[in-house]
PDB file of N, CA and C in Angstrom:
ATOM      1  N   MET A   1      10.681  18.910   1.873  1.00  0.00           N
ATOM      2  CA  MET A   1      10.792  17.572   2.457  1.00  0.00           C
ATOM      3  C   MET A   1       9.864  17.481   3.676  1.00  0.00           C
ATOM      4  N   ASP A   2       9.096  16.456   3.737  1.00  0.00           N
ATOM      5  CA  ASP A   2       8.195  16.259   4.873  1.00  0.00           C
ATOM      6  C   ASP A   2       8.991  15.912   6.123  1.00  0.00           C
ATOM      7  N   GLU A   3       8.563  16.481   7.254  1.00  0.00           N
ATOM      8  CA  GLU A   3       9.212  16.164   8.519  1.00  0.00           C
ATOM      9  C   GLU A   3       8.301  15.239   9.309  1.00  0.00           C
ATOM     10  N   HIS A   4       8.853  14.123   9.760  1.00  0.00           N
ATOM     11  CA  HIS A   4       8.085  13.147  10.522  1.00  0.00           C
ATOM     12  C   HIS A   4       8.377  13.330  11.992  1.00  0.00           C
ATOM     13  N   LEU A   5       7.336  13.265  12.805  1.00  0.00           N
ATOM     14  CA  LEU A   5       7.519  13.398  14.240  1.00  0.00           C
ATOM     15  C   LEU A   5       6.953  12.158  14.912  1.00  0.00           C
ATOM     16  N   PHE A   6       7.816  11.425  15.587  1.00  0.00           N
ATOM     17  CA  PHE A   6       7.396  10.228  16.305  1.00  0.00           C
ATOM     18  C   PHE A   6       7.744  10.403  17.775  1.00  0.00           C
ATOM     19  N   LEU A   7       6.829  10.049  18.644  1.00  0.00           N
ATOM     20  CA  LEU A   7       6.995  10.232  20.077  1.00  0.00           C
ATOM     21  C   LEU A   7       7.176   8.898  20.780  1.00  0.00           C
ATOM     22  N   LYS A   8       7.903   8.913  21.892  1.00  0.00           N
ATOM     23  CA  LYS A   8       8.065   7.691  22.680  1.00  0.00           C
ATOM     24  C   LYS A   8       6.704   7.160  23.080  1.00  0.00           C
ATOM     25  N   GLY A   9       6.536   5.850  22.931  1.00  0.00           N
ATOM     26  CA  GLY A   9       5.281   5.209  23.281  1.00  0.00           C
ATOM     27  C   GLY A   9       4.274   5.156  22.147  1.00  0.00           C
ATOM     28  N   GLN A  10       4.560   5.854  21.065  1.00  0.00           N
ATOM     29  CA  GLN A  10       3.640   5.882  19.927  1.00  0.00           C
ATOM     30  C   GLN A  10       3.657   4.550  19.187  1.00  0.00           C
ATOM     31  N   ARG A  11       2.478   4.077  18.800  1.00  0.00           N
ATOM     32  CA  ARG A  11       2.370   2.854  18.011  1.00  0.00           C
ATOM     33  C   ARG A  11       2.643   3.185  16.553  1.00  0.00           C
ATOM     34  N   VAL A  12       3.484   2.370  15.926  1.00  0.00           N
ATOM     35  CA  VAL A  12       3.858   2.596  14.532  1.00  0.00           C
ATOM     36  C   VAL A  12       3.863   1.279  13.760  1.00  0.00           C
ATOM     37  N   ILE A  13       3.876   1.411  12.444  1.00  0.00           N
ATOM     38  CA  ILE A  13       3.998   0.262  11.549  1.00  0.00           C
ATOM     39  C   ILE A  13       5.334   0.391  10.831  1.00  0.00           C
ATOM     40  N   THR A  14       6.151  -0.663  10.917  1.00  0.00           N
ATOM     41  CA  THR A  14       7.476  -0.679  10.295  1.00  0.00           C
ATOM     42  C   THR A  14       7.495  -1.724   9.180  1.00  0.00           C
ATOM     43  N   PRO A  15       8.560  -1.740   8.378  1.00  0.00           N
ATOM     44  CA  PRO A  15       8.680  -2.804   7.366  1.00  0.00           C
ATOM     45  C   PRO A  15       8.713  -4.200   7.991  1.00  0.00           C
ATOM     46  N   SER A  16       9.051  -4.293   9.286  1.00  0.00           N
ATOM     47  CA  SER A  16       9.134  -5.594   9.961  1.00  0.00           C
ATOM     48  C   SER A  16       7.907  -5.914  10.796  1.00  0.00           C
ATOM     49  N   GLY A  17       6.923  -5.040  10.780  1.00  0.00           N
ATOM     50  CA  GLY A  17       5.714  -5.268  11.560  1.00  0.00           C
ATOM     51  C   GLY A  17       5.420  -4.096  12.486  1.00  0.00           C
ATOM     52  N   GLU A  18       4.429  -4.289  13.355  1.00  0.00           N
ATOM     53  CA  GLU A  18       4.017  -3.218  14.250  1.00  0.00           C
ATOM     54  C   GLU A  18       4.863  -3.188  15.509  1.00  0.00           C
ATOM     55  N   GLY A  19       4.929  -1.998  16.117  1.00  0.00           N
ATOM     56  CA  GLY A  19       5.697  -1.858  17.338  1.00  0.00           C
ATOM     57  C   GLY A  19       5.449  -0.520  18.000  1.00  0.00           C
ATOM     58  N   GLU A  20       6.296  -0.201  18.970  1.00  0.00           N
ATOM     59  CA  GLU A  20       6.165   1.010  19.764  1.00  0.00           C
ATOM     60  C   GLU A  20       7.488   1.766  19.762  1.00  0.00           C
ATOM     61  N   VAL A  21       7.420   3.072  19.561  1.00  0.00           N
ATOM     62  CA  VAL A  21       8.619   3.909  19.550  1.00  0.00           C
ATOM     63  C   VAL A  21       9.217   3.946  20.955  1.00  0.00           C
ATOM     64  N   VAL A  22      10.526   3.647  21.059  1.00  0.00           N
ATOM     65  CA  VAL A  22      11.207   3.741  22.346  1.00  0.00           C
ATOM     66  C   VAL A  22      12.189   4.901  22.375  1.00  0.00           C
ATOM     67  N   ASP A  23      12.600   5.395  21.196  1.00  0.00           N
ATOM     68  CA  ASP A  23      13.476   6.552  21.151  1.00  0.00           C
ATOM     69  C   ASP A  23      13.491   7.112  19.732  1.00  0.00           C
ATOM     70  N   ALA A  24      13.777   8.395  19.628  1.00  0.00           N
ATOM     71  CA  ALA A  24      13.893   9.051  18.328  1.00  0.00           C
ATOM     72  C   ALA A  24      15.145   9.910  18.358  1.00  0.00           C
ATOM     73  N   ILE A  25      16.105   9.587  17.503  1.00  0.00           N
ATOM     74  CA  ILE A  25      17.371  10.305  17.454  1.00  0.00           C
ATOM     75  C   ILE A  25      17.517  10.878  16.045  1.00  0.00           C
ATOM     76  N   GLY A  26      17.201  12.138  15.890  1.00  0.00           N
ATOM     77  CA  GLY A  26      17.234  12.744  14.568  1.00  0.00           C
ATOM     78  C   GLY A  26      16.255  12.039  13.648  1.00  0.00           C
ATOM     79  N   ASP A  27      16.746  11.521  12.546  1.00  0.00           N
ATOM     80  CA  ASP A  27      15.903  10.826  11.565  1.00  0.00           C
ATOM     81  C   ASP A  27      15.795   9.335  11.866  1.00  0.00           C
ATOM     82  N   LYS A  28      16.477   8.869  12.905  1.00  0.00           N
ATOM     83  CA  LYS A  28      16.460   7.446  13.239  1.00  0.00           C
ATOM     84  C   LYS A  28      15.470   7.192  14.374  1.00  0.00           C
ATOM     85  N   ILE A  29      14.576   6.257  14.152  1.00  0.00           N
ATOM     86  CA  ILE A  29      13.543   5.942  15.128  1.00  0.00           C
ATOM     87  C   ILE A  29      13.785   4.527  15.643  1.00  0.00           C
ATOM     88  N   VAL A  30      13.913   4.379  16.952  1.00  0.00           N
ATOM     89  CA  VAL A  30      14.121   3.077  17.577  1.00  0.00           C
ATOM     90  C   VAL A  30      12.762   2.532  17.974  1.00  0.00           C
ATOM     91  N   VAL A  31      12.457   1.322  17.486  1.00  0.00           N
ATOM     92  CA  VAL A  31      11.139   0.726  17.680  1.00  0.00           C
ATOM     93  C   VAL A  31      11.270  -0.639  18.342  1.00  0.00           C
ATOM     94  N   ARG A  32      10.485  -0.869  19.397  1.00  0.00           N
ATOM     95  CA  ARG A  32      10.384  -2.202  19.992  1.00  0.00           C
ATOM     96  C   ARG A  32       9.218  -2.896  19.295  1.00  0.00           C
ATOM     97  N   LEU A  33       9.559  -3.877  18.496  1.00  0.00           N
ATOM     98  CA  LEU A  33       8.546  -4.596  17.721  1.00  0.00           C
ATOM     99  C   LEU A  33       7.714  -5.503  18.623  1.00  0.00           C
ATOM    100  N   ASP A  34       6.506  -5.803  18.174  1.00  0.00           N
ATOM    101  CA  ASP A  34       5.629  -6.708  18.915  1.00  0.00           C
ATOM    102  C   ASP A  34       6.245  -8.088  19.082  1.00  0.00           C
ATOM    103  N   THR A  35       7.206  -8.427  18.220  1.00  0.00           N
ATOM    104  CA  THR A  35       7.882  -9.721  18.319  1.00  0.00           C
ATOM    105  C   THR A  35       8.872  -9.756  19.475  1.00  0.00           C
ATOM    106  N   GLY A  36       9.179  -8.566  20.055  1.00  0.00           N
ATOM    107  CA  GLY A  36      10.102  -8.490  21.176  1.00  0.00           C
ATOM    108  C   GLY A  36      11.457  -7.932  20.816  1.00  0.00           C
ATOM    109  N   SER A  37      11.783  -7.864  19.537  1.00  0.00           N
ATOM    110  CA  SER A  37      13.083  -7.324  19.139  1.00  0.00           C
ATOM    111  C   SER A  37      13.015  -5.807  19.028  1.00  0.00           C
ATOM    112  N   THR A  38      14.180  -5.176  19.037  1.00  0.00           N
ATOM    113  CA  THR A  38      14.271  -3.728  18.893  1.00  0.00           C
ATOM    114  C   THR A  38      15.049  -3.423  17.631  1.00  0.00           C
ATOM    115  N   GLU A  39      14.496  -2.551  16.788  1.00  0.00           N
ATOM    116  CA  GLU A  39      15.122  -2.195  15.518  1.00  0.00           C
ATOM    117  C   GLU A  39      15.146  -0.684  15.372  1.00  0.00           C
ATOM    118  N   THR A  40      16.057  -0.193  14.523  1.00  0.00           N
ATOM    119  CA  THR A  40      16.140   1.232  14.226  1.00  0.00           C
ATOM    120  C   THR A  40      15.825   1.444  12.754  1.00  0.00           C
ATOM    121  N   TYR A  41      14.964   2.422  12.475  1.00  0.00           N
ATOM    122  CA  TYR A  41      14.522   2.703  11.108  1.00  0.00           C
ATOM    123  C   TYR A  41      14.648   4.185  10.807  1.00  0.00           C
ATOM    124  N   PRO A  42      14.891   4.536   9.546  1.00  0.00           N
ATOM    125  CA  PRO A  42      14.752   5.938   9.150  1.00  0.00           C
ATOM    126  C   PRO A  42      13.282   6.330   9.295  1.00  0.00           C
ATOM    127  N   SER A  43      13.019   7.567   9.682  1.00  0.00           N
ATOM    128  CA  SER A  43      11.636   7.968   9.924  1.00  0.00           C
ATOM    129  C   SER A  43      10.746   7.791   8.695  1.00  0.00           C
ATOM    130  N   GLY A  44      11.317   7.853   7.514  1.00  0.00           N
ATOM    131  CA  GLY A  44      10.534   7.670   6.293  1.00  0.00           C
ATOM    132  C   GLY A  44      10.065   6.246   6.066  1.00  0.00           C
ATOM    133  N   ASP A  45      10.646   5.286   6.796  1.00  0.00           N
ATOM    134  CA  ASP A  45      10.294   3.878   6.625  1.00  0.00           C
ATOM    135  C   ASP A  45       9.179   3.415   7.547  1.00  0.00           C
ATOM    136  N   ILE A  46       8.763   4.276   8.478  1.00  0.00           N
ATOM    137  CA  ILE A  46       7.702   3.874   9.403  1.00  0.00           C
ATOM    138  C   ILE A  46       6.535   4.843   9.308  1.00  0.00           C
ATOM    139  N   GLN A  47       5.374   4.379   9.735  1.00  0.00           N
ATOM    140  CA  GLN A  47       4.196   5.229   9.702  1.00  0.00           C
ATOM    141  C   GLN A  47       3.402   5.095  10.989  1.00  0.00           C
ATOM    142  N   ASP A  48       2.660   6.134  11.285  1.00  0.00           N
ATOM    143  CA  ASP A  48       1.819   6.176  12.469  1.00  0.00           C
ATOM    144  C   ASP A  48       0.763   5.084  12.368  1.00  0.00           C
ATOM    145  N   ASN A  49       0.437   4.471  13.493  1.00  0.00           N
ATOM    146  CA  ASN A  49      -0.546   3.390  13.528  1.00  0.00           C
ATOM    147  C   ASN A  49      -1.888   3.873  14.062  1.00  0.00           C
ATOM    148  N   SER A  50      -2.106   5.175  14.139  1.00  0.00           N
ATOM    149  CA  SER A  50      -3.326   5.715  14.736  1.00  0.00           C
ATOM    150  C   SER A  50      -4.576   5.379  13.935  1.00  0.00           C
ATOM    151  N   SER A  51      -4.415   5.096  12.642  1.00  0.00           N
ATOM    152  CA  SER A  51      -5.584   4.796  11.806  1.00  0.00           C
ATOM    153  C   SER A  51      -6.063   3.355  11.995  1.00  0.00           C
ATOM    154  N   ALA A  52      -5.211   2.512  12.572  1.00  0.00           N
ATOM    155  CA  ALA A  52      -5.601   1.111  12.813  1.00  0.00           C
ATOM    156  C   ALA A  52      -6.500   1.042  14.027  1.00  0.00           C
ATOM    157  N   GLY A  53      -7.541   0.188  13.926  1.00  0.00           N
ATOM    158  CA  GLY A  53      -8.559   0.071  14.943  1.00  0.00           C
ATOM    159  C   GLY A  53      -8.049  -0.203  16.289  1.00  0.00           C
TER     160      GLY A  53
END
C-alpha cells in the first residue's frame, strides 16, 4: 500500500478543488480550500499540487 505524506502548508488538489494542508491526522488530511472552507479528506483522495505551474 502506498503511503502518502502531506505537510502543513503544502498545496494540494482535492475532489472539491485546490487548497492548502492545515493538518494531517493519520490518514485524514485537513485542507483549507481556496474557496475559504475547510474539509477533511482521506489521503488517497488528494494529490500534491507541485506539478502545477
